[in-house]
PDB file of N, CA and C in Angstrom:
ATOM      1  N   UNK A   1     -58.452 -60.705 -68.582  1.00  0.00           N
ATOM      2  CA  UNK A   1     -57.776 -59.442 -68.810  1.00  0.00           C
ATOM      3  C   UNK A   1     -58.258 -58.374 -67.834  1.00  0.00           C
ATOM      4  N   UNK A   2     -59.510 -58.452 -67.427  1.00  0.00           N
ATOM      5  CA  UNK A   2     -60.053 -57.469 -66.492  1.00  0.00           C
ATOM      6  C   UNK A   2     -59.335 -57.565 -65.149  1.00  0.00           C
ATOM      7  N   UNK A   3     -59.057 -58.804 -64.696  1.00  0.00           N
ATOM      8  CA  UNK A   3     -58.371 -59.006 -63.424  1.00  0.00           C
ATOM      9  C   UNK A   3     -56.980 -58.388 -63.456  1.00  0.00           C
ATOM     10  N   UNK A   4     -56.313 -58.518 -64.578  1.00  0.00           N
ATOM     11  CA  UNK A   4     -54.961 -57.962 -64.734  1.00  0.00           C
ATOM     12  C   UNK A   4     -54.983 -56.443 -64.592  1.00  0.00           C
ATOM     13  N   UNK A   5     -55.959 -55.796 -65.198  1.00  0.00           N
ATOM     14  CA  UNK A   5     -56.059 -54.337 -65.117  1.00  0.00           C
ATOM     15  C   UNK A   5     -56.333 -53.873 -63.688  1.00  0.00           C
ATOM     16  N   UNK A   6     -57.235 -54.551 -63.010  1.00  0.00           N
ATOM     17  CA  UNK A   6     -57.565 -54.176 -61.636  1.00  0.00           C
ATOM     18  C   UNK A   6     -56.351 -54.373 -60.735  1.00  0.00           C
ATOM     19  N   UNK A   7     -55.618 -55.451 -60.938  1.00  0.00           N
ATOM     20  CA  UNK A   7     -54.426 -55.729 -60.140  1.00  0.00           C
ATOM     21  C   UNK A   7     -53.379 -54.637 -60.343  1.00  0.00           C
ATOM     22  N   UNK A   8     -53.144 -54.259 -61.600  1.00  0.00           N
ATOM     23  CA  UNK A   8     -52.145 -53.222 -61.872  1.00  0.00           C
ATOM     24  C   UNK A   8     -52.570 -51.870 -61.321  1.00  0.00           C
ATOM     25  N   UNK A   9     -53.838 -51.538 -61.424  1.00  0.00           N
ATOM     26  CA  UNK A   9     -54.328 -50.268 -60.872  1.00  0.00           C
ATOM     27  C   UNK A   9     -54.113 -50.248 -59.353  1.00  0.00           C
ATOM     28  N   UNK A  10     -54.448 -51.341 -58.684  1.00  0.00           N
ATOM     29  CA  UNK A  10     -54.246 -51.420 -57.242  1.00  0.00           C
ATOM     30  C   UNK A  10     -52.785 -51.330 -56.853  1.00  0.00           C
ATOM     31  N   UNK A  11     -51.924 -51.967 -57.642  1.00  0.00           N
ATOM     32  CA  UNK A  11     -50.493 -51.930 -57.354  1.00  0.00           C
ATOM     33  C   UNK A  11     -49.942 -50.517 -57.511  1.00  0.00           C
ATOM     34  N   UNK A  12     -50.347 -49.815 -58.557  1.00  0.00           N
ATOM     35  CA  UNK A  12     -49.860 -48.451 -58.758  1.00  0.00           C
ATOM     36  C   UNK A  12     -50.400 -47.500 -57.700  1.00  0.00           C
ATOM     37  N   UNK A  13     -51.612 -47.732 -57.224  1.00  0.00           N
ATOM     38  CA  UNK A  13     -52.141 -46.925 -56.117  1.00  0.00           C
ATOM     39  C   UNK A  13     -51.318 -47.183 -54.850  1.00  0.00           C
ATOM     40  N   UNK A  14     -50.934 -48.433 -54.629  1.00  0.00           N
ATOM     41  CA  UNK A  14     -50.087 -48.770 -53.489  1.00  0.00           C
ATOM     42  C   UNK A  14     -48.735 -48.072 -53.585  1.00  0.00           C
ATOM     43  N   UNK A  15     -48.113 -48.097 -54.772  1.00  0.00           N
ATOM     44  CA  UNK A  15     -46.833 -47.407 -54.964  1.00  0.00           C
ATOM     45  C   UNK A  15     -46.970 -45.900 -54.757  1.00  0.00           C
ATOM     46  N   UNK A  16     -48.041 -45.331 -55.256  1.00  0.00           N
ATOM     47  CA  UNK A  16     -48.272 -43.900 -55.093  1.00  0.00           C
ATOM     48  C   UNK A  16     -48.421 -43.542 -53.616  1.00  0.00           C
ATOM     49  N   UNK A  17     -49.176 -44.348 -52.881  1.00  0.00           N
ATOM     50  CA  UNK A  17     -49.351 -44.099 -51.448  1.00  0.00           C
ATOM     51  C   UNK A  17     -48.050 -44.209 -50.678  1.00  0.00           C
ATOM     52  N   UNK A  18     -47.240 -45.216 -51.020  1.00  0.00           N
ATOM     53  CA  UNK A  18     -45.948 -45.365 -50.351  1.00  0.00           C
ATOM     54  C   UNK A  18     -45.026 -44.196 -50.683  1.00  0.00           C
ATOM     55  N   UNK A  19     -45.037 -43.760 -51.941  1.00  0.00           N
ATOM     56  CA  UNK A  19     -44.214 -42.619 -52.337  1.00  0.00           C
ATOM     57  C   UNK A  19     -44.634 -41.338 -51.637  1.00  0.00           C
ATOM     58  N   UNK A  20     -45.934 -41.125 -51.529  1.00  0.00           N
ATOM     59  CA  UNK A  20     -46.424 -39.933 -50.834  1.00  0.00           C
ATOM     60  C   UNK A  20     -46.084 -39.966 -49.343  1.00  0.00           C
ATOM     61  N   UNK A  21     -46.149 -41.144 -48.743  1.00  0.00           N
ATOM     62  CA  UNK A  21     -45.796 -41.259 -47.324  1.00  0.00           C
ATOM     63  C   UNK A  21     -44.314 -40.962 -47.104  1.00  0.00           C
ATOM     64  N   UNK A  22     -43.454 -41.472 -47.991  1.00  0.00           N
ATOM     65  CA  UNK A  22     -42.018 -41.188 -47.873  1.00  0.00           C
ATOM     66  C   UNK A  22     -41.715 -39.719 -48.128  1.00  0.00           C
ATOM     67  N   UNK A  23     -42.438 -39.112 -49.049  1.00  0.00           N
ATOM     68  CA  UNK A  23     -42.229 -37.695 -49.339  1.00  0.00           C
ATOM     69  C   UNK A  23     -42.660 -36.835 -48.155  1.00  0.00           C
ATOM     70  N   UNK A  24     -43.796 -37.171 -47.583  1.00  0.00           N
ATOM     71  CA  UNK A  24     -44.322 -36.383 -46.464  1.00  0.00           C
ATOM     72  C   UNK A  24     -43.415 -36.491 -45.242  1.00  0.00           C
ATOM     73  N   UNK A  25     -42.803 -37.653 -45.049  1.00  0.00           N
ATOM     74  CA  UNK A  25     -41.940 -37.827 -43.877  1.00  0.00           C
ATOM     75  C   UNK A  25     -40.545 -37.246 -44.079  1.00  0.00           C
ATOM     76  N   UNK A  26     -40.202 -36.852 -45.301  1.00  0.00           N
ATOM     77  CA  UNK A  26     -38.923 -36.213 -45.559  1.00  0.00           C
ATOM     78  C   UNK A  26     -37.811 -37.173 -45.932  1.00  0.00           C
ATOM     79  N   UNK A  27     -38.129 -38.442 -46.064  1.00  0.00           N
ATOM     80  CA  UNK A  27     -37.094 -39.426 -46.390  1.00  0.00           C
ATOM     81  C   UNK A  27     -36.607 -39.256 -47.828  1.00  0.00           C
ATOM     82  N   UNK A  28     -37.476 -38.869 -48.734  1.00  0.00           N
ATOM     83  CA  UNK A  28     -37.102 -38.752 -50.139  1.00  0.00           C
ATOM     84  C   UNK A  28     -36.097 -37.630 -50.396  1.00  0.00           C
ATOM     85  N   UNK A  29     -36.012 -36.661 -49.503  1.00  0.00           N
ATOM     86  CA  UNK A  29     -35.043 -35.579 -49.675  1.00  0.00           C
ATOM     87  C   UNK A  29     -33.603 -36.043 -49.479  1.00  0.00           C
ATOM     88  N   UNK A  30     -33.438 -37.142 -48.775  1.00  0.00           N
ATOM     89  CA  UNK A  30     -32.098 -37.650 -48.471  1.00  0.00           C
ATOM     90  C   UNK A  30     -31.580 -38.614 -49.532  1.00  0.00           C
ATOM     91  N   UNK A  31     -32.433 -39.041 -50.460  1.00  0.00           N
ATOM     92  CA  UNK A  31     -32.048 -40.042 -51.457  1.00  0.00           C
ATOM     93  C   UNK A  31     -31.813 -39.338 -52.791  1.00  0.00           C
ATOM     94  N   UNK A  32     -30.687 -39.610 -53.464  1.00  0.00           N
ATOM     95  CA  UNK A  32     -30.432 -38.999 -54.782  1.00  0.00           C
ATOM     96  C   UNK A  32     -31.493 -39.409 -55.804  1.00  0.00           C
ATOM     97  N   UNK A  33     -31.749 -38.527 -56.740  1.00  0.00           N
ATOM     98  CA  UNK A  33     -32.797 -38.737 -57.735  1.00  0.00           C
ATOM     99  C   UNK A  33     -32.613 -39.966 -58.603  1.00  0.00           C
ATOM    100  N   UNK A  34     -31.364 -40.302 -58.939  1.00  0.00           N
ATOM    101  CA  UNK A  34     -31.131 -41.467 -59.794  1.00  0.00           C
ATOM    102  C   UNK A  34     -31.563 -42.744 -59.096  1.00  0.00           C
ATOM    103  N   UNK A  35     -31.358 -42.829 -57.785  1.00  0.00           N
ATOM    104  CA  UNK A  35     -31.776 -44.019 -57.051  1.00  0.00           C
ATOM    105  C   UNK A  35     -33.285 -44.088 -56.924  1.00  0.00           C
ATOM    106  N   UNK A  36     -33.926 -42.950 -56.861  1.00  0.00           N
ATOM    107  CA  UNK A  36     -35.390 -42.948 -56.853  1.00  0.00           C
ATOM    108  C   UNK A  36     -35.936 -43.455 -58.189  1.00  0.00           C
ATOM    109  N   UNK A  37     -35.311 -43.029 -59.286  1.00  0.00           N
ATOM    110  CA  UNK A  37     -35.741 -43.478 -60.611  1.00  0.00           C
ATOM    111  C   UNK A  37     -35.502 -44.974 -60.781  1.00  0.00           C
ATOM    112  N   UNK A  38     -34.348 -45.462 -60.341  1.00  0.00           N
ATOM    113  CA  UNK A  38     -34.057 -46.888 -60.437  1.00  0.00           C
ATOM    114  C   UNK A  38     -35.052 -47.691 -59.596  1.00  0.00           C
ATOM    115  N   UNK A  39     -35.334 -47.245 -58.415  1.00  0.00           N
ATOM    116  CA  UNK A  39     -36.311 -47.922 -57.559  1.00  0.00           C
ATOM    117  C   UNK A  39     -37.709 -47.936 -58.158  1.00  0.00           C
ATOM    118  N   UNK A  40     -38.088 -46.829 -58.808  1.00  0.00           N
ATOM    119  CA  UNK A  40     -39.402 -46.771 -59.440  1.00  0.00           C
ATOM    120  C   UNK A  40     -39.500 -47.757 -60.609  1.00  0.00           C
ATOM    121  N   UNK A  41     -38.449 -47.840 -61.415  1.00  0.00           N
ATOM    122  CA  UNK A  41     -38.454 -48.782 -62.543  1.00  0.00           C
ATOM    123  C   UNK A  41     -38.524 -50.218 -62.043  1.00  0.00           C
ATOM    124  N   UNK A  42     -37.770 -50.532 -61.010  1.00  0.00           N
ATOM    125  CA  UNK A  42     -37.793 -51.885 -60.449  1.00  0.00           C
ATOM    126  C   UNK A  42     -39.180 -52.196 -59.866  1.00  0.00           C
ATOM    127  N   UNK A  43     -39.771 -51.255 -59.160  1.00  0.00           N
ATOM    128  CA  UNK A  43     -41.089 -51.484 -58.558  1.00  0.00           C
ATOM    129  C   UNK A  43     -42.157 -51.670 -59.632  1.00  0.00           C
ATOM    130  N   UNK A  44     -42.102 -50.897 -60.695  1.00  0.00           N
ATOM    131  CA  UNK A  44     -43.079 -51.039 -61.776  1.00  0.00           C
ATOM    132  C   UNK A  44     -42.895 -52.384 -62.483  1.00  0.00           C
ATOM    133  N   UNK A  45     -41.651 -52.759 -62.744  1.00  0.00           N
ATOM    134  CA  UNK A  45     -41.394 -54.053 -63.366  1.00  0.00           C
ATOM    135  C   UNK A  45     -41.854 -55.209 -62.496  1.00  0.00           C
ATOM    136  N   UNK A  46     -41.618 -55.105 -61.203  1.00  0.00           N
ATOM    137  CA  UNK A  46     -42.062 -56.141 -60.276  1.00  0.00           C
ATOM    138  C   UNK A  46     -43.585 -56.240 -60.256  1.00  0.00           C
ATOM    139  N   UNK A  47     -44.265 -55.111 -60.294  1.00  0.00           N
ATOM    140  CA  UNK A  47     -45.724 -55.121 -60.314  1.00  0.00           C
ATOM    141  C   UNK A  47     -46.278 -55.764 -61.572  1.00  0.00           C
ATOM    142  N   UNK A  48     -45.666 -55.488 -62.698  1.00  0.00           N
ATOM    143  CA  UNK A  48     -46.115 -56.102 -63.952  1.00  0.00           C
ATOM    144  C   UNK A  48     -45.878 -57.608 -63.912  1.00  0.00           C
ATOM    145  N   UNK A  49     -44.725 -58.029 -63.398  1.00  0.00           N
ATOM    146  CA  UNK A  49     -44.455 -59.463 -63.297  1.00  0.00           C
ATOM    147  C   UNK A  49     -45.462 -60.155 -62.376  1.00  0.00           C
ATOM    148  N   UNK A  50     -45.788 -59.540 -61.244  1.00  0.00           N
ATOM    149  CA  UNK A  50     -46.764 -60.123 -60.332  1.00  0.00           C
ATOM    150  C   UNK A  50     -48.159 -60.186 -60.964  1.00  0.00           C
ATOM    151  N   UNK A  51     -48.522 -59.146 -61.694  1.00  0.00           N
ATOM    152  CA  UNK A  51     -49.840 -59.127 -62.317  1.00  0.00           C
ATOM    153  C   UNK A  51     -49.962 -60.209 -63.375  1.00  0.00           C
ATOM    154  N   UNK A  52     -48.932 -60.401 -64.159  1.00  0.00           N
ATOM    155  CA  UNK A  52     -48.978 -61.423 -65.208  1.00  0.00           C
ATOM    156  C   UNK A  52     -48.972 -62.816 -64.584  1.00  0.00           C
ATOM    157  N   UNK A  53     -48.178 -63.001 -63.546  1.00  0.00           N
ATOM    158  CA  UNK A  53     -48.090 -64.313 -62.911  1.00  0.00           C
ATOM    159  C   UNK A  53     -49.373 -64.684 -62.186  1.00  0.00           C
ATOM    160  N   UNK A  54     -50.110 -63.721 -61.691  1.00  0.00           N
ATOM    161  CA  UNK A  54     -51.329 -64.026 -60.939  1.00  0.00           C
ATOM    162  C   UNK A  54     -52.567 -64.027 -61.829  1.00  0.00           C
ATOM    163  N   UNK A  55     -52.393 -63.879 -63.115  1.00  0.00           N
ATOM    164  CA  UNK A  55     -53.521 -63.924 -64.041  1.00  0.00           C
ATOM    165  C   UNK A  55     -54.100 -65.315 -64.132  1.00  0.00           C
ATOM    166  N   UNK A  56     -55.188 -65.438 -64.831  1.00  0.00           N
ATOM    167  CA  UNK A  56     -55.830 -66.738 -64.985  1.00  0.00           C
ATOM    168  C   UNK A  56     -54.951 -67.662 -65.817  1.00  0.00           C
ATOM    169  N   UNK A  57     -54.790 -68.894 -65.355  1.00  0.00           N
ATOM    170  CA  UNK A  57     -53.981 -69.825 -66.144  1.00  0.00           C
ATOM    171  C   UNK A  57     -54.731 -70.285 -67.388  1.00  0.00           C
ATOM    172  N   UNK A  58     -53.984 -70.584 -68.410  1.00  0.00           N
ATOM    173  CA  UNK A  58     -54.586 -71.067 -69.643  1.00  0.00           C
ATOM    174  C   UNK A  58     -55.032 -72.510 -69.452  1.00  0.00           C
ATOM    175  N   UNK A  59     -56.220 -72.793 -69.895  1.00  0.00           N
ATOM    176  CA  UNK A  59     -56.755 -74.147 -69.778  1.00  0.00           C
ATOM    177  C   UNK A  59     -56.380 -74.915 -71.041  1.00  0.00           C
ATOM    178  N   UNK A  60     -55.689 -76.003 -70.843  1.00  0.00           N
ATOM    179  CA  UNK A  60     -55.316 -76.838 -71.981  1.00  0.00           C
ATOM    180  C   UNK A  60     -55.973 -78.201 -71.813  1.00  0.00           C
ATOM    181  N   UNK A  61     -56.346 -78.774 -72.921  1.00  0.00           N
ATOM    182  CA  UNK A  61     -56.964 -80.112 -72.890  1.00  0.00           C
ATOM    183  C   UNK A  61     -56.094 -81.067 -73.677  1.00  0.00           C
ATOM    184  N   UNK A  62     -55.989 -82.252 -73.150  1.00  0.00           N
ATOM    185  CA  UNK A  62     -55.216 -83.293 -73.833  1.00  0.00           C
ATOM    186  C   UNK A  62     -56.195 -84.312 -74.397  1.00  0.00           C
ATOM    187  N   UNK A  63     -55.899 -84.715 -75.570  1.00  0.00           N
ATOM    188  CA  UNK A  63     -56.769 -85.712 -76.207  1.00  0.00           C
ATOM    189  C   UNK A  63     -56.056 -87.018 -76.374  1.00  0.00           C
TER     190      UNK A  63
END
């Protein structure tokens, strides 16, 4: 569970940095707000899916 938290924190820091870079360059002013919201939801969902998929696999034993 600790790995999952660290992965999500890193992913959100990456998204924040990318958003700040786009804002500073002026690209975000040209995009309508609804598309920014849709993109943010998709990016957050993608990050959660990646974090869950890269977690430790469950160890199963067969008898």
